[in-house]
Structures are given as C-alpha cells and as structure tokens.
Amino acid sequence: MNKIKFLTISVIALVVLNLVTVAFFWMKRPPRPMQKGPKKIIVERLHFDAQQVTAYDKLIAEHQQAIAAKSQEMGEAKKVLFALLKGDDFSKKDSLISVIGQVQQQIEATHFQHFMSIKELCKDEQLQAFKDLSSDLAKYFAPPPKGK
C-alpha cells in the first residue's frame, strides 16, 4: 500500500470517527423541558380541553401584560440606580435597590397568582396532574445551566 492510499484511508477513517462521536454526544444530550414552550407543556400535562385552552390563552395575555409592566418598572428603577454612578452622590442607592427588590417580589407574586389561576381552570380529575406539574415548575423556569 502506498503512502497516498494509506493517508486517504486514514483521513476517511478519522472523518467517520468524528461524525460518530458527534452523533453520540448529540443523541445523549438530554432534552431541555422548555423546548416545547411553557404553554404547550402545561396544556399537554394538564390535558386541557378546547374551552380550557381558550381560558388559558386569556390568562397568558393578562400575565404577559402584568409582567411587561413590572419589567418596565424595574428597568426604569435600574436605569436611575445606574445613573447614580455618573455622579458622586449615592444617597438614593439603598432606596432604589429596595424598590427593585419590591418590584421583583411583585413579579414573583404575579407568577404565583398566574399558576393559581391555572389551577382554578383545572377540573377535579386534572388536579393530580397539576400537583405533578407544580413539582416540576422550578425546573421548567430555571435559567439554563452555564456552558450549555
């Protein structure tokens, strides 16, 4: 076997080996729960009927509107806070940080109320599915792990 033939076979073998390795890691990667989207996950896990989906769509719109307003409020407070860095007077820093914390609490309360409203949509036979879903909510809405 001459050198050219040997190098050609070696290169082909390495390419195939790389493709197999990439495929192996790609297939072993666990799916992220949010790939379906929160609405689809909730509708599927709770087995909502068409009427419940319509009511849920309305809840989503109200929730998004409330969260957008709170996010804007937080953004404004952060803008004022970081504008303090331009000067030398930081006397308002603590009160602004407190406002940001209060708005974050309101956001979390809004999220919680949203899920209470979803629970109210459930029929008696769906309540166990809701309890199971509520155990997984933190996982669904956690930030993705770093480095992934």
C-alpha atoms as a PDB file:
ATOM      1  CA  MET A   1       0.000   0.000   0.000  1.00  0.00           C
ATOM      2  CA  ASN A   2       1.494   3.324  -0.993  1.00  0.00           C
ATOM      3  CA  LYS A   3       1.535   6.447   1.156  1.00  0.00           C
ATOM      4  CA  ILE A   4      -1.277   8.238  -0.702  1.00  0.00           C
ATOM      5  CA  LYS A   5      -3.671   5.313  -0.309  1.00  0.00           C
ATOM      6  CA  PHE A   6      -2.741   4.974   3.381  1.00  0.00           C
ATOM      7  CA  LEU A   7      -3.307   8.715   4.029  1.00  0.00           C
ATOM      8  CA  THR A   8      -6.629   8.663   2.166  1.00  0.00           C
ATOM      9  CA  ILE A   9      -7.913   5.723   4.210  1.00  0.00           C
ATOM     10  CA  SER A  10      -6.673   7.368   7.428  1.00  0.00           C
ATOM     11  CA  VAL A  11      -8.429  10.673   6.646  1.00  0.00           C
ATOM     12  CA  ILE A  12     -11.684   8.883   5.785  1.00  0.00           C
ATOM     13  CA  ALA A  13     -11.476   6.841   8.998  1.00  0.00           C
ATOM     14  CA  LEU A  14     -10.905   9.985  11.085  1.00  0.00           C
ATOM     15  CA  VAL A  15     -13.846  11.796   9.457  1.00  0.00           C
ATOM     16  CA  VAL A  16     -16.135   8.829  10.118  1.00  0.00           C
ATOM     17  CA  LEU A  17     -14.885   8.589  13.703  1.00  0.00           C
ATOM     18  CA  ASN A  18     -15.565  12.315  14.252  1.00  0.00           C
ATOM     19  CA  LEU A  19     -19.070  12.009  12.827  1.00  0.00           C
ATOM     20  CA  VAL A  20     -19.830   9.031  15.069  1.00  0.00           C
ATOM     21  CA  THR A  21     -18.507  10.900  18.113  1.00  0.00           C
ATOM     22  CA  VAL A  22     -20.586  13.997  17.364  1.00  0.00           C
ATOM     23  CA  ALA A  23     -23.691  11.873  16.762  1.00  0.00           C
ATOM     24  CA  PHE A  24     -23.123  10.015  20.035  1.00  0.00           C
ATOM     25  CA  PHE A  25     -22.961  13.215  22.081  1.00  0.00           C
ATOM     26  CA  TRP A  26     -25.855  14.785  20.201  1.00  0.00           C
ATOM     27  CA  MET A  27     -28.108  11.780  20.841  1.00  0.00           C
ATOM     28  CA  LYS A  28     -27.097  11.506  24.517  1.00  0.00           C
ATOM     29  CA  ARG A  29     -27.894  15.155  25.260  1.00  0.00           C
ATOM     30  CA  PRO A  30     -30.985  15.314  27.499  1.00  0.00           C
ATOM     31  CA  PRO A  31     -33.775  17.457  26.090  1.00  0.00           C
ATOM     32  CA  ARG A  32     -34.490  20.714  27.869  1.00  0.00           C
ATOM     33  CA  PRO A  33     -38.036  20.814  29.210  1.00  0.00           C
ATOM     34  CA  MET A  34     -38.747  24.243  27.734  1.00  0.00           C
ATOM     35  CA  GLN A  35     -38.075  23.188  24.139  1.00  0.00           C
ATOM     36  CA  LYS A  36     -41.829  22.723  23.679  1.00  0.00           C
ATOM     37  CA  GLY A  37     -42.698  26.050  25.255  1.00  0.00           C
ATOM     38  CA  PRO A  38     -44.470  26.529  28.565  1.00  0.00           C
ATOM     39  CA  LYS A  39     -47.963  26.806  27.082  1.00  0.00           C
ATOM     40  CA  LYS A  40     -47.714  23.539  25.200  1.00  0.00           C
ATOM     41  CA  ILE A  41     -46.223  21.728  28.196  1.00  0.00           C
ATOM     42  CA  ILE A  42     -49.000  22.942  30.505  1.00  0.00           C
ATOM     43  CA  VAL A  43     -51.785  22.142  28.035  1.00  0.00           C
ATOM     44  CA  GLU A  44     -50.384  18.642  27.435  1.00  0.00           C
ATOM     45  CA  ARG A  45     -49.613  17.817  31.048  1.00  0.00           C
ATOM     46  CA  LEU A  46     -52.966  19.047  32.339  1.00  0.00           C
ATOM     47  CA  HIS A  47     -54.958  17.585  29.412  1.00  0.00           C
ATOM     48  CA  PHE A  48     -56.851  20.832  28.834  1.00  0.00           C
ATOM     49  CA  ASP A  49     -59.875  20.734  26.560  1.00  0.00           C
ATOM     50  CA  ALA A  50     -60.575  23.444  23.954  1.00  0.00           C
ATOM     51  CA  GLN A  51     -62.558  25.608  26.375  1.00  0.00           C
ATOM     52  CA  GLN A  52     -59.786  25.449  28.975  1.00  0.00           C
ATOM     53  CA  VAL A  53     -57.168  26.323  26.329  1.00  0.00           C
ATOM     54  CA  THR A  54     -59.177  29.410  25.364  1.00  0.00           C
ATOM     55  CA  ALA A  55     -59.403  30.494  29.019  1.00  0.00           C
ATOM     56  CA  TYR A  56     -55.707  29.727  29.446  1.00  0.00           C
ATOM     57  CA  ASP A  57     -54.847  31.910  26.433  1.00  0.00           C
ATOM     58  CA  LYS A  58     -56.660  34.785  28.147  1.00  0.00           C
ATOM     59  CA  LEU A  59     -54.708  34.143  31.373  1.00  0.00           C
ATOM     60  CA  ILE A  60     -51.452  34.153  29.410  1.00  0.00           C
ATOM     61  CA  ALA A  61     -52.261  37.514  27.797  1.00  0.00           C
ATOM     62  CA  GLU A  62     -53.114  39.053  31.180  1.00  0.00           C
ATOM     63  CA  HIS A  63     -49.984  37.580  32.765  1.00  0.00           C
ATOM     64  CA  GLN A  64     -47.713  38.809  29.986  1.00  0.00           C
ATOM     65  CA  GLN A  65     -49.209  42.296  30.239  1.00  0.00           C
ATOM     66  CA  ALA A  66     -48.708  42.396  34.019  1.00  0.00           C
ATOM     67  CA  ILE A  67     -45.134  41.097  33.787  1.00  0.00           C
ATOM     68  CA  ALA A  68     -44.280  43.546  30.999  1.00  0.00           C
ATOM     69  CA  ALA A  69     -45.478  46.461  33.154  1.00  0.00           C
ATOM     70  CA  LYS A  70     -43.432  45.258  36.155  1.00  0.00           C
ATOM     71  CA  SER A  71     -40.380  44.636  33.968  1.00  0.00           C
ATOM     72  CA  GLN A  72     -40.624  48.164  32.620  1.00  0.00           C
ATOM     73  CA  GLU A  73     -40.940  49.496  36.169  1.00  0.00           C
ATOM     74  CA  MET A  74     -37.862  47.534  37.200  1.00  0.00           C
ATOM     75  CA  GLY A  75     -35.954  48.728  34.147  1.00  0.00           C
ATOM     76  CA  GLU A  76     -36.685  52.340  34.999  1.00  0.00           C
ATOM     77  CA  ALA A  77     -35.554  51.843  38.596  1.00  0.00           C
ATOM     78  CA  LYS A  78     -32.336  50.183  37.422  1.00  0.00           C
ATOM     79  CA  LYS A  79     -31.724  52.996  34.950  1.00  0.00           C
ATOM     80  CA  VAL A  80     -31.971  55.556  37.750  1.00  0.00           C
ATOM     81  CA  LEU A  81     -29.792  53.402  40.017  1.00  0.00           C
ATOM     82  CA  PHE A  82     -27.001  53.048  37.493  1.00  0.00           C
ATOM     83  CA  ALA A  83     -27.250  56.717  36.541  1.00  0.00           C
ATOM     84  CA  LEU A  84     -26.054  57.414  40.093  1.00  0.00           C
ATOM     85  CA  LEU A  85     -22.664  56.088  39.019  1.00  0.00           C
ATOM     86  CA  LYS A  86     -22.175  59.190  36.882  1.00  0.00           C
ATOM     87  CA  GLY A  87     -22.004  61.367  39.968  1.00  0.00           C
ATOM     88  CA  ASP A  88     -20.655  61.208  43.489  1.00  0.00           C
ATOM     89  CA  ASP A  89     -23.953  61.247  45.461  1.00  0.00           C
ATOM     90  CA  PHE A  90     -25.046  57.682  46.215  1.00  0.00           C
ATOM     91  CA  SER A  91     -27.549  58.580  48.946  1.00  0.00           C
ATOM     92  CA  LYS A  92     -30.510  57.205  46.936  1.00  0.00           C
ATOM     93  CA  LYS A  93     -28.778  53.884  46.202  1.00  0.00           C
ATOM     94  CA  ASP A  94     -30.340  51.915  49.052  1.00  0.00           C
ATOM     95  CA  SER A  95     -33.867  53.157  48.384  1.00  0.00           C
ATOM     96  CA  LEU A  96     -33.554  52.350  44.676  1.00  0.00           C
ATOM     97  CA  ILE A  97     -32.249  48.856  45.432  1.00  0.00           C
ATOM     98  CA  SER A  98     -35.196  48.442  47.798  1.00  0.00           C
ATOM     99  CA  VAL A  99     -37.620  49.494  45.040  1.00  0.00           C
ATOM    100  CA  ILE A 100     -36.024  46.980  42.650  1.00  0.00           C
ATOM    101  CA  GLY A 101     -36.402  44.270  45.298  1.00  0.00           C
ATOM    102  CA  GLN A 102     -40.057  45.169  45.842  1.00  0.00           C
ATOM    103  CA  VAL A 103     -40.775  45.052  42.127  1.00  0.00           C
ATOM    104  CA  GLN A 104     -39.066  41.645  41.902  1.00  0.00           C
ATOM    105  CA  GLN A 105     -41.284  40.434  44.759  1.00  0.00           C
ATOM    106  CA  GLN A 106     -44.328  41.699  42.861  1.00  0.00           C
ATOM    107  CA  ILE A 107     -43.165  39.854  39.740  1.00  0.00           C
ATOM    108  CA  GLU A 108     -42.806  36.604  41.690  1.00  0.00           C
ATOM    109  CA  ALA A 109     -46.232  37.136  43.286  1.00  0.00           C
ATOM    110  CA  THR A 110     -47.682  37.712  39.806  1.00  0.00           C
ATOM    111  CA  HIS A 111     -46.142  34.453  38.577  1.00  0.00           C
ATOM    112  CA  PHE A 112     -47.540  32.604  41.581  1.00  0.00           C
ATOM    113  CA  GLN A 113     -51.011  34.105  41.063  1.00  0.00           C
ATOM    114  CA  HIS A 114     -50.840  33.080  37.406  1.00  0.00           C
ATOM    115  CA  PHE A 115     -50.317  29.455  38.392  1.00  0.00           C
ATOM    116  CA  MET A 116     -53.089  29.682  40.985  1.00  0.00           C
ATOM    117  CA  SER A 117     -55.367  30.850  38.168  1.00  0.00           C
ATOM    118  CA  ILE A 118     -54.252  27.901  36.044  1.00  0.00           C
ATOM    119  CA  LYS A 119     -55.098  25.595  38.940  1.00  0.00           C
ATOM    120  CA  GLU A 120     -58.578  27.131  39.076  1.00  0.00           C
ATOM    121  CA  LEU A 121     -59.035  26.185  35.409  1.00  0.00           C
ATOM    122  CA  CYS A 122     -58.452  22.526  36.247  1.00  0.00           C
ATOM    123  CA  LYS A 123     -61.298  20.103  36.645  1.00  0.00           C
ATOM    124  CA  ASP A 124     -61.244  17.724  39.618  1.00  0.00           C
ATOM    125  CA  GLU A 125     -59.702  14.931  37.567  1.00  0.00           C
ATOM    126  CA  GLN A 126     -56.889  17.276  36.440  1.00  0.00           C
ATOM    127  CA  LEU A 127     -55.814  18.382  39.919  1.00  0.00           C
ATOM    128  CA  GLN A 128     -53.391  15.494  40.410  1.00  0.00           C
ATOM    129  CA  ALA A 129     -51.746  16.350  37.075  1.00  0.00           C
ATOM    130  CA  PHE A 130     -51.482  19.962  38.277  1.00  0.00           C
ATOM    131  CA  LYS A 131     -49.832  18.805  41.518  1.00  0.00           C
ATOM    132  CA  ASP A 132     -47.352  16.771  39.491  1.00  0.00           C
ATOM    133  CA  LEU A 133     -46.707  19.749  37.212  1.00  0.00           C
ATOM    134  CA  SER A 134     -46.195  22.095  40.157  1.00  0.00           C
ATOM    135  CA  SER A 135     -43.347  19.866  41.350  1.00  0.00           C
ATOM    136  CA  ASP A 136     -41.580  20.491  38.042  1.00  0.00           C
ATOM    137  CA  LEU A 137     -42.234  24.234  37.652  1.00  0.00           C
ATOM    138  CA  ALA A 138     -38.915  25.331  39.141  1.00  0.00           C
ATOM    139  CA  LYS A 139     -37.105  23.074  36.665  1.00  0.00           C
ATOM    140  CA  TYR A 140     -39.069  24.450  33.701  1.00  0.00           C
ATOM    141  CA  PHE A 141     -38.473  28.071  34.556  1.00  0.00           C
ATOM    142  CA  ALA A 142     -34.917  27.859  35.875  1.00  0.00           C
ATOM    143  CA  PRO A 143     -32.246  29.575  33.815  1.00  0.00           C
ATOM    144  CA  PRO A 144     -30.308  27.212  31.552  1.00  0.00           C
ATOM    145  CA  PRO A 145     -27.125  25.814  33.068  1.00  0.00           C
ATOM    146  CA  LYS A 146     -23.981  27.743  32.189  1.00  0.00           C
ATOM    147  CA  GLY A 147     -21.793  26.315  29.479  1.00  0.00           C
ATOM    148  CA  LYS A 148     -24.665  24.645  27.599  1.00  0.00           C
END
